[in-house]
Amino acid sequence: MSELTERQKVILSLVVHEYVRTANPVGSKNLVKHYHLDYSPATVRNELAALTEAQFLSQPHTSAGRVPTEKGYRFFVSGLIQMRELPEETRRMIEHQFSQAQQGMDGWIKLAASILADQANAISVVSAPLPNRTRMKYVSLISITNKQILMILVLAGGQMQQRFLFVNESTTQTQLNEIADLLNRMFEGKNSEEIRNLSREIPQMGSVADEIVRTLLSTLYDTDALQTGEVYTDGLNKVLSEPEFSDSEEARRTLRFLEEKPLLQSFLSKTTREQKVGGIQVFFGGDGLLKDIANCSLVVARYGMQGVATGTIGVLGPMRMEYSKNIPTVRFLAGILSDLVTDSSQ
């Protein structure tokens, strides 16, 4: 932080605040008048020129004011920003919404995405929690017809997978309950490798039980192959109405990034792989990883139980976002989801 004087830090911070508020280039006279600065417009103008030369600010047109650059936003977020706690009323409102939503992990994730989009006025991005290696919590088997079965597999962390099986032998619900009870006793808390080894010890229960175990293992293998859980988004209309996206090409690039779920999953996995639960990261312009969001920022946190099951929650929007509000909002919701994952894993 030593590369700027204290006065330059103050002026840079005010330029960011004003540009976030108005989306218009910021001039020296406007800063002095609006923030009642003790400096003269000429002094502020000289500092704006110095900040521009150092690439913390840019000047869209010769006669226009200044706007923050990616370097300016980075500097602001890394040391100048003044975080504020969410108001008590807001925290209570969010907690009440979750207490009323007894929907399971998928429902809670969708609720978190909706609340975050509204609070941050940006696109929310929330991935379902997955363990480092998928572990089974319990399995339920439901007879649809005498040869069709619905397998409901609940994983550690609360994620649920459903699979339909077509078997060669007729099977009653009573028989399926017996198979499910046995599998739950043997496999609860086990990963795919452990289940594969234990499955050799299962008493002979016929071809139906064998097919159920094969489907269970296949489901776990598929989940292990994912680097992050299913991703939910909300609030797209909030961002596309911002002036930064008046250029339809910018909007198309952002849409493409959000619609290509494998790309989004891979990006979230790469950026949060080494992040601790509860930690916040801010990525500017995809940090060179994705050109489709080169003009955006992404504020993300990892939630869940370290070493058991984790997911990612964050907001995506133009760099001109309200970091001082969005960062604590993401952190607060990450804490709520972490508590839910902990409860679901016990």
Protein backbone atom coordinates (compact mmCIF):
# COMPACT_ATOMS: atom_id res chain seq x y z
CA MET A 1 0.00 0.00 0.00
CA SER A 2 3.04 2.25 0.24
CA GLU A 3 3.03 3.15 -3.45
CA LEU A 4 0.28 5.73 -2.83
CA THR A 5 0.25 8.67 -0.43
CA GLU A 6 -2.49 8.87 2.19
CA ARG A 7 -4.18 11.63 0.20
CA GLN A 8 -4.14 9.53 -2.97
CA LYS A 9 -5.65 6.61 -1.07
CA VAL A 10 -8.48 8.83 0.15
CA ILE A 11 -9.15 10.20 -3.32
CA LEU A 12 -9.02 6.75 -4.96
CA SER A 13 -11.44 5.40 -2.38
CA LEU A 14 -13.85 8.29 -3.00
CA VAL A 15 -13.65 7.84 -6.77
CA VAL A 16 -14.60 4.17 -6.37
CA HIS A 17 -17.51 5.02 -4.04
CA GLU A 18 -18.80 7.75 -6.35
CA TYR A 19 -18.47 5.69 -9.52
CA VAL A 20 -20.26 2.73 -7.90
CA ARG A 21 -23.04 5.10 -6.86
CA THR A 22 -23.53 6.95 -10.16
CA ALA A 23 -21.88 4.91 -12.96
CA ASN A 24 -20.60 8.25 -14.30
CA PRO A 25 -16.95 9.38 -14.61
CA VAL A 26 -15.87 11.30 -11.51
CA GLY A 27 -14.37 14.78 -11.72
CA SER A 28 -12.38 16.84 -9.21
CA LYS A 29 -15.06 19.50 -8.63
CA ASN A 30 -17.67 16.82 -7.96
CA LEU A 31 -15.45 15.11 -5.38
CA VAL A 32 -14.65 18.33 -3.51
CA LYS A 33 -18.30 19.44 -3.46
CA HIS A 34 -19.97 16.12 -2.69
CA TYR A 35 -17.51 14.94 0.00
CA HIS A 36 -16.63 18.41 1.42
CA LEU A 37 -12.91 17.85 0.95
CA ASP A 38 -10.35 20.20 2.44
CA TYR A 39 -8.35 20.02 -0.81
CA SER A 40 -8.85 22.44 -3.68
CA PRO A 41 -10.21 21.16 -7.02
CA ALA A 42 -6.79 21.85 -8.53
CA THR A 43 -5.08 19.65 -5.93
CA VAL A 44 -7.60 16.86 -6.46
CA ARG A 45 -7.20 17.21 -10.22
CA ASN A 46 -3.42 16.75 -9.89
CA GLU A 47 -3.90 13.65 -7.75
CA LEU A 48 -6.40 12.23 -10.23
CA ALA A 49 -3.81 12.73 -12.96
CA ALA A 50 -1.17 10.95 -10.87
CA LEU A 51 -3.55 8.05 -10.14
CA THR A 52 -4.33 7.83 -13.85
CA GLU A 53 -0.66 7.76 -14.77
CA ALA A 54 -0.18 4.95 -12.23
CA GLN A 55 -3.10 3.08 -13.89
CA PHE A 56 -5.37 3.08 -10.85
CA LEU A 57 -7.83 5.25 -12.80
CA SER A 58 -8.61 5.81 -16.45
CA GLN A 59 -10.09 8.73 -18.35
CA PRO A 60 -12.67 7.67 -20.96
CA HIS A 61 -12.43 11.02 -22.79
CA THR A 62 -10.07 13.97 -22.54
CA SER A 63 -12.72 16.24 -21.03
CA ALA A 64 -14.32 13.53 -18.87
CA GLY A 65 -13.74 12.57 -15.26
CA ARG A 66 -12.05 9.39 -14.10
CA VAL A 67 -13.23 5.81 -13.57
CA PRO A 68 -11.48 3.06 -11.59
CA THR A 69 -9.44 0.47 -13.48
CA GLU A 70 -9.12 -3.19 -12.55
CA LYS A 71 -5.90 -2.25 -10.71
CA GLY A 72 -7.79 0.47 -8.86
CA TYR A 73 -10.55 -1.89 -7.77
CA ARG A 74 -7.99 -4.46 -6.61
CA PHE A 75 -6.19 -1.85 -4.52
CA PHE A 76 -9.48 -0.64 -3.07
CA VAL A 77 -10.71 -4.11 -2.08
CA SER A 78 -7.33 -5.26 -0.72
CA GLY A 79 -6.84 -2.39 1.70
CA LEU A 80 -9.05 0.68 1.37
CA ILE A 81 -12.50 -0.83 1.69
CA GLN A 82 -14.36 -0.39 4.97
CA MET A 83 -16.44 -3.49 5.57
CA ARG A 84 -19.73 -3.07 7.32
CA GLU A 85 -21.75 -5.69 9.09
CA LEU A 86 -25.17 -6.54 7.73
CA PRO A 87 -27.86 -4.67 9.68
CA GLU A 88 -29.40 -6.72 12.46
CA GLU A 89 -32.80 -6.44 10.79
CA THR A 90 -31.42 -7.91 7.55
CA ARG A 91 -29.70 -10.78 9.36
CA ARG A 92 -32.88 -11.66 11.24
CA MET A 93 -34.94 -11.51 8.03
CA ILE A 94 -32.56 -13.90 6.24
CA GLU A 95 -32.42 -16.30 9.20
CA HIS A 96 -36.23 -16.28 9.39
CA GLN A 97 -36.52 -17.15 5.68
CA PHE A 98 -34.27 -20.16 6.17
CA SER A 99 -36.11 -21.27 9.31
CA GLN A 100 -39.37 -21.30 7.32
CA ALA A 101 -37.89 -23.22 4.37
CA GLN A 102 -37.78 -26.87 5.45
CA GLN A 103 -36.85 -28.03 1.97
CA GLY A 104 -33.60 -29.96 2.29
CA MET A 105 -30.23 -28.88 0.92
CA ASP A 106 -31.35 -28.28 -2.67
CA GLY A 107 -34.16 -26.01 -1.47
CA TRP A 108 -31.84 -24.12 0.86
CA ILE A 109 -29.34 -23.55 -1.95
CA LYS A 110 -32.03 -22.13 -4.22
CA LEU A 111 -33.23 -19.91 -1.38
CA ALA A 112 -29.67 -18.70 -0.75
CA ALA A 113 -29.29 -17.86 -4.45
CA SER A 114 -32.54 -15.88 -4.43
CA ILE A 115 -31.73 -13.95 -1.25
CA LEU A 116 -28.17 -13.16 -2.34
CA ALA A 117 -29.28 -11.88 -5.75
CA ASP A 118 -31.79 -9.54 -4.07
CA GLN A 119 -29.39 -8.30 -1.40
CA ALA A 120 -26.41 -7.78 -3.71
CA ASN A 121 -28.37 -6.64 -6.75
CA ALA A 122 -26.16 -8.97 -8.78
CA ILE A 123 -26.09 -12.50 -10.17
CA SER A 124 -25.83 -15.07 -7.40
CA VAL A 125 -23.89 -18.29 -7.98
CA VAL A 126 -24.26 -21.17 -5.53
CA SER A 127 -22.89 -24.69 -5.99
CA ALA A 128 -24.28 -27.67 -4.13
CA PRO A 129 -21.98 -29.08 -1.43
CA LEU A 130 -19.93 -32.12 -2.35
CA PRO A 131 -17.48 -34.06 -0.19
CA ASN A 132 -13.84 -34.42 -1.20
CA ARG A 133 -14.85 -37.97 -1.92
CA THR A 134 -18.53 -38.77 -2.02
CA ARG A 135 -19.83 -40.57 1.06
CA MET A 136 -23.21 -42.20 1.37
CA LYS A 137 -25.55 -41.10 4.13
CA TYR A 138 -28.48 -43.42 3.39
CA VAL A 139 -30.44 -44.99 0.54
CA SER A 140 -34.18 -45.44 0.07
CA LEU A 141 -35.80 -47.83 -2.42
CA ILE A 142 -39.34 -47.30 -3.70
CA SER A 143 -41.28 -49.76 -5.83
CA ILE A 144 -42.80 -48.00 -8.85
CA THR A 145 -44.00 -51.15 -10.58
CA ASN A 146 -43.10 -54.75 -9.79
CA LYS A 147 -39.97 -54.41 -11.98
CA GLN A 148 -39.25 -50.66 -11.74
CA ILE A 149 -37.50 -49.15 -8.72
CA LEU A 150 -36.71 -45.59 -7.69
CA MET A 151 -33.44 -45.35 -5.76
CA ILE A 152 -33.01 -42.20 -3.65
CA LEU A 153 -29.41 -41.79 -2.50
CA VAL A 154 -28.63 -39.11 0.09
CA LEU A 155 -24.97 -38.12 0.38
CA ALA A 156 -23.00 -36.69 3.28
CA GLY A 157 -23.63 -32.96 3.06
CA GLY A 158 -27.31 -33.37 2.16
CA GLN A 159 -27.14 -33.69 -1.63
CA MET A 160 -29.67 -36.13 -3.07
CA GLN A 161 -29.38 -38.30 -6.20
CA GLN A 162 -32.26 -40.24 -7.80
CA ARG A 163 -32.00 -43.16 -10.19
CA PHE A 164 -34.63 -45.38 -11.84
CA LEU A 165 -33.81 -49.08 -12.15
CA PHE A 166 -35.47 -51.66 -14.38
CA VAL A 167 -34.87 -55.16 -13.01
CA ASN A 168 -35.60 -58.63 -14.37
CA GLU A 169 -37.34 -60.02 -11.27
CA SER A 170 -40.55 -58.82 -9.67
CA THR A 171 -39.85 -57.24 -6.27
CA THR A 172 -42.19 -56.14 -3.50
CA GLN A 173 -41.82 -53.01 -1.36
CA THR A 174 -41.18 -55.23 1.67
CA GLN A 175 -38.22 -56.85 -0.10
CA LEU A 176 -36.86 -53.44 -1.12
CA ASN A 177 -37.10 -52.21 2.47
CA GLU A 178 -35.06 -55.20 3.62
CA ILE A 179 -32.39 -54.52 0.98
CA ALA A 180 -32.26 -50.82 1.89
CA ASP A 181 -31.92 -51.63 5.60
CA LEU A 182 -29.00 -53.93 4.88
CA LEU A 183 -27.22 -51.44 2.62
CA ASN A 184 -27.67 -48.63 5.13
CA ARG A 185 -26.20 -50.75 7.93
CA MET A 186 -23.20 -51.73 5.81
CA PHE A 187 -22.53 -48.59 3.77
CA GLU A 188 -23.50 -45.57 5.88
CA GLY A 189 -20.63 -43.05 5.87
CA LYS A 190 -18.62 -45.03 3.31
CA ASN A 191 -17.15 -43.79 0.00
CA SER A 192 -17.27 -45.59 -3.35
CA GLU A 193 -14.02 -47.51 -2.82
CA GLU A 194 -15.06 -48.69 0.63
CA ILE A 195 -18.51 -49.72 -0.62
CA ARG A 196 -17.02 -51.61 -3.56
CA ASN A 197 -14.88 -53.64 -1.15
CA LEU A 198 -17.70 -54.19 1.35
CA SER A 199 -20.16 -55.22 -1.37
CA ARG A 200 -18.27 -58.50 -1.74
CA GLU A 201 -19.40 -59.36 1.79
CA ILE A 202 -23.12 -58.84 1.14
CA PRO A 203 -25.11 -62.04 1.73
CA GLN A 204 -26.68 -63.54 -1.38
CA MET A 205 -29.92 -61.57 -1.87
CA GLY A 206 -30.50 -62.18 -5.57
CA SER A 207 -29.96 -60.27 -8.80
CA VAL A 208 -32.13 -57.30 -7.74
CA ALA A 209 -29.86 -56.48 -4.80
CA ASP A 210 -26.81 -56.88 -7.04
CA GLU A 211 -28.27 -54.44 -9.58
CA ILE A 212 -29.10 -51.93 -6.83
CA VAL A 213 -25.52 -52.03 -5.53
CA ARG A 214 -24.14 -51.58 -9.05
CA THR A 215 -26.40 -48.56 -9.58
CA LEU A 216 -25.43 -47.15 -6.19
CA LEU A 217 -21.73 -47.45 -7.01
CA SER A 218 -22.22 -45.98 -10.47
CA THR A 219 -23.98 -42.97 -8.93
CA LEU A 220 -21.13 -42.45 -6.46
CA TYR A 221 -18.53 -42.73 -9.24
CA ASP A 222 -20.41 -40.13 -11.30
CA THR A 223 -20.55 -37.77 -8.34
CA ASP A 224 -16.86 -38.28 -7.56
CA ALA A 225 -16.04 -37.27 -11.13
CA LEU A 226 -17.61 -33.87 -10.62
CA GLN A 227 -15.27 -31.17 -9.34
CA THR A 228 -18.12 -29.14 -7.88
CA GLY A 229 -21.82 -29.71 -7.28
CA GLU A 230 -24.72 -28.52 -9.38
CA VAL A 231 -24.65 -24.73 -9.76
CA TYR A 232 -27.70 -22.54 -9.18
CA THR A 233 -27.89 -18.93 -10.37
CA ASP A 234 -30.36 -16.10 -9.84
CA GLY A 235 -30.65 -12.37 -10.54
CA LEU A 236 -29.50 -12.30 -14.16
CA ASN A 237 -31.90 -9.46 -14.98
CA LYS A 238 -30.35 -7.31 -12.23
CA VAL A 239 -26.94 -7.29 -13.93
CA LEU A 240 -27.98 -7.11 -17.57
CA SER A 241 -29.80 -3.84 -16.83
CA GLU A 242 -26.54 -2.22 -15.67
CA PRO A 243 -24.93 0.32 -18.06
CA GLU A 244 -21.82 -1.86 -18.45
CA PHE A 245 -23.99 -4.34 -20.34
CA SER A 246 -25.69 -1.90 -22.68
CA ASP A 247 -23.33 -3.39 -25.27
CA SER A 248 -25.16 -6.55 -26.29
CA GLU A 249 -21.88 -8.38 -26.91
CA GLU A 250 -20.91 -7.92 -23.23
CA ALA A 251 -24.28 -9.31 -22.21
CA ARG A 252 -23.92 -12.28 -24.57
CA ARG A 253 -20.51 -13.18 -23.15
CA THR A 254 -21.85 -13.11 -19.59
CA LEU A 255 -24.85 -15.20 -20.57
CA ARG A 256 -22.60 -17.72 -22.28
CA PHE A 257 -20.48 -18.07 -19.15
CA LEU A 258 -23.54 -18.68 -16.96
CA GLU A 259 -25.26 -21.06 -19.39
CA GLU A 260 -22.24 -23.32 -19.89
CA LYS A 261 -22.62 -25.09 -16.55
CA PRO A 262 -19.58 -27.41 -16.97
CA LEU A 263 -17.42 -24.32 -17.61
CA LEU A 264 -18.91 -22.56 -14.59
CA GLN A 265 -18.43 -25.64 -12.40
CA SER A 266 -14.81 -26.01 -13.50
CA PHE A 267 -14.10 -22.32 -12.88
CA LEU A 268 -15.56 -22.42 -9.37
CA SER A 269 -13.60 -25.58 -8.60
CA LYS A 270 -10.29 -24.11 -9.76
CA THR A 271 -10.76 -20.82 -7.92
CA THR A 272 -11.88 -22.24 -4.57
CA ARG A 273 -10.00 -25.56 -4.43
CA GLU A 274 -7.45 -24.31 -1.88
CA GLN A 275 -9.79 -21.93 -0.11
CA LYS A 276 -10.75 -22.61 3.50
CA VAL A 277 -14.38 -22.74 4.57
CA GLY A 278 -15.57 -19.21 5.34
CA GLY A 279 -12.77 -17.56 3.38
CA ILE A 280 -13.64 -14.80 0.90
CA GLN A 281 -11.97 -14.30 -2.48
CA VAL A 282 -12.57 -11.57 -5.04
CA PHE A 283 -11.76 -12.24 -8.69
CA PHE A 284 -11.52 -9.38 -11.15
CA GLY A 285 -12.18 -10.07 -14.83
CA GLY A 286 -11.89 -13.79 -14.27
CA ASP A 287 -8.25 -13.08 -13.32
CA GLY A 288 -7.19 -14.10 -16.79
CA LEU A 289 -8.98 -17.45 -16.57
CA LEU A 290 -12.12 -16.48 -18.51
CA LYS A 291 -12.42 -13.81 -21.17
CA ASP A 292 -16.23 -14.03 -21.05
CA ILE A 293 -16.26 -12.16 -17.71
CA ALA A 294 -13.33 -9.86 -18.38
CA ASN A 295 -15.36 -6.81 -17.27
CA CYS A 296 -16.89 -8.45 -14.20
CA SER A 297 -15.98 -9.22 -10.61
CA LEU A 298 -16.81 -12.37 -8.69
CA VAL A 299 -16.98 -12.42 -4.89
CA VAL A 300 -16.98 -16.02 -3.61
CA ALA A 301 -16.81 -17.91 -0.35
CA ARG A 302 -16.48 -21.60 0.39
CA TYR A 303 -19.04 -23.08 2.77
CA GLY A 304 -19.65 -26.44 4.42
CA MET A 305 -17.51 -28.70 6.60
CA GLN A 306 -13.81 -28.83 5.82
CA GLY A 307 -12.85 -32.34 4.76
CA VAL A 308 -16.48 -33.52 4.72
CA ALA A 309 -18.58 -31.58 2.21
CA THR A 310 -18.13 -28.10 0.76
CA GLY A 311 -19.69 -25.83 -1.85
CA THR A 312 -19.28 -22.30 -3.17
CA ILE A 313 -21.48 -19.22 -2.88
CA GLY A 314 -20.84 -15.87 -4.54
CA VAL A 315 -22.04 -12.93 -6.60
CA LEU A 316 -21.08 -11.98 -10.14
CA GLY A 317 -21.52 -8.46 -11.44
CA PRO A 318 -19.77 -5.54 -13.06
CA MET A 319 -16.56 -4.39 -11.37
CA ARG A 320 -18.60 -1.37 -10.33
CA MET A 321 -20.27 -3.34 -7.54
CA GLU A 322 -20.80 -2.44 -3.90
CA TYR A 323 -18.04 -4.55 -2.38
CA SER A 324 -18.50 -3.19 1.14
CA LYS A 325 -22.02 -4.66 1.18
CA ASN A 326 -21.63 -7.71 -1.06
CA ILE A 327 -18.61 -9.22 0.71
CA PRO A 328 -20.28 -9.38 4.17
CA THR A 329 -23.53 -10.60 2.58
CA VAL A 330 -21.72 -13.49 0.88
CA ARG A 331 -19.88 -14.26 4.13
CA PHE A 332 -23.11 -14.27 6.18
CA LEU A 333 -24.97 -16.59 3.80
CA ALA A 334 -21.93 -18.87 3.59
CA GLY A 335 -22.10 -19.18 7.38
CA ILE A 336 -25.77 -20.16 7.27
CA LEU A 337 -25.15 -22.80 4.59
CA SER A 338 -22.17 -24.14 6.55
CA ASP A 339 -24.42 -24.67 9.58
CA LEU A 340 -26.98 -26.48 7.41
CA VAL A 341 -24.34 -28.75 5.89
CA THR A 342 -23.02 -29.55 9.39
CA ASP A 343 -26.52 -30.42 10.61
CA SER A 344 -27.18 -32.57 7.52
CA SER A 345 -23.92 -34.48 7.94
CA GLN A 346 -24.59 -35.57 11.53
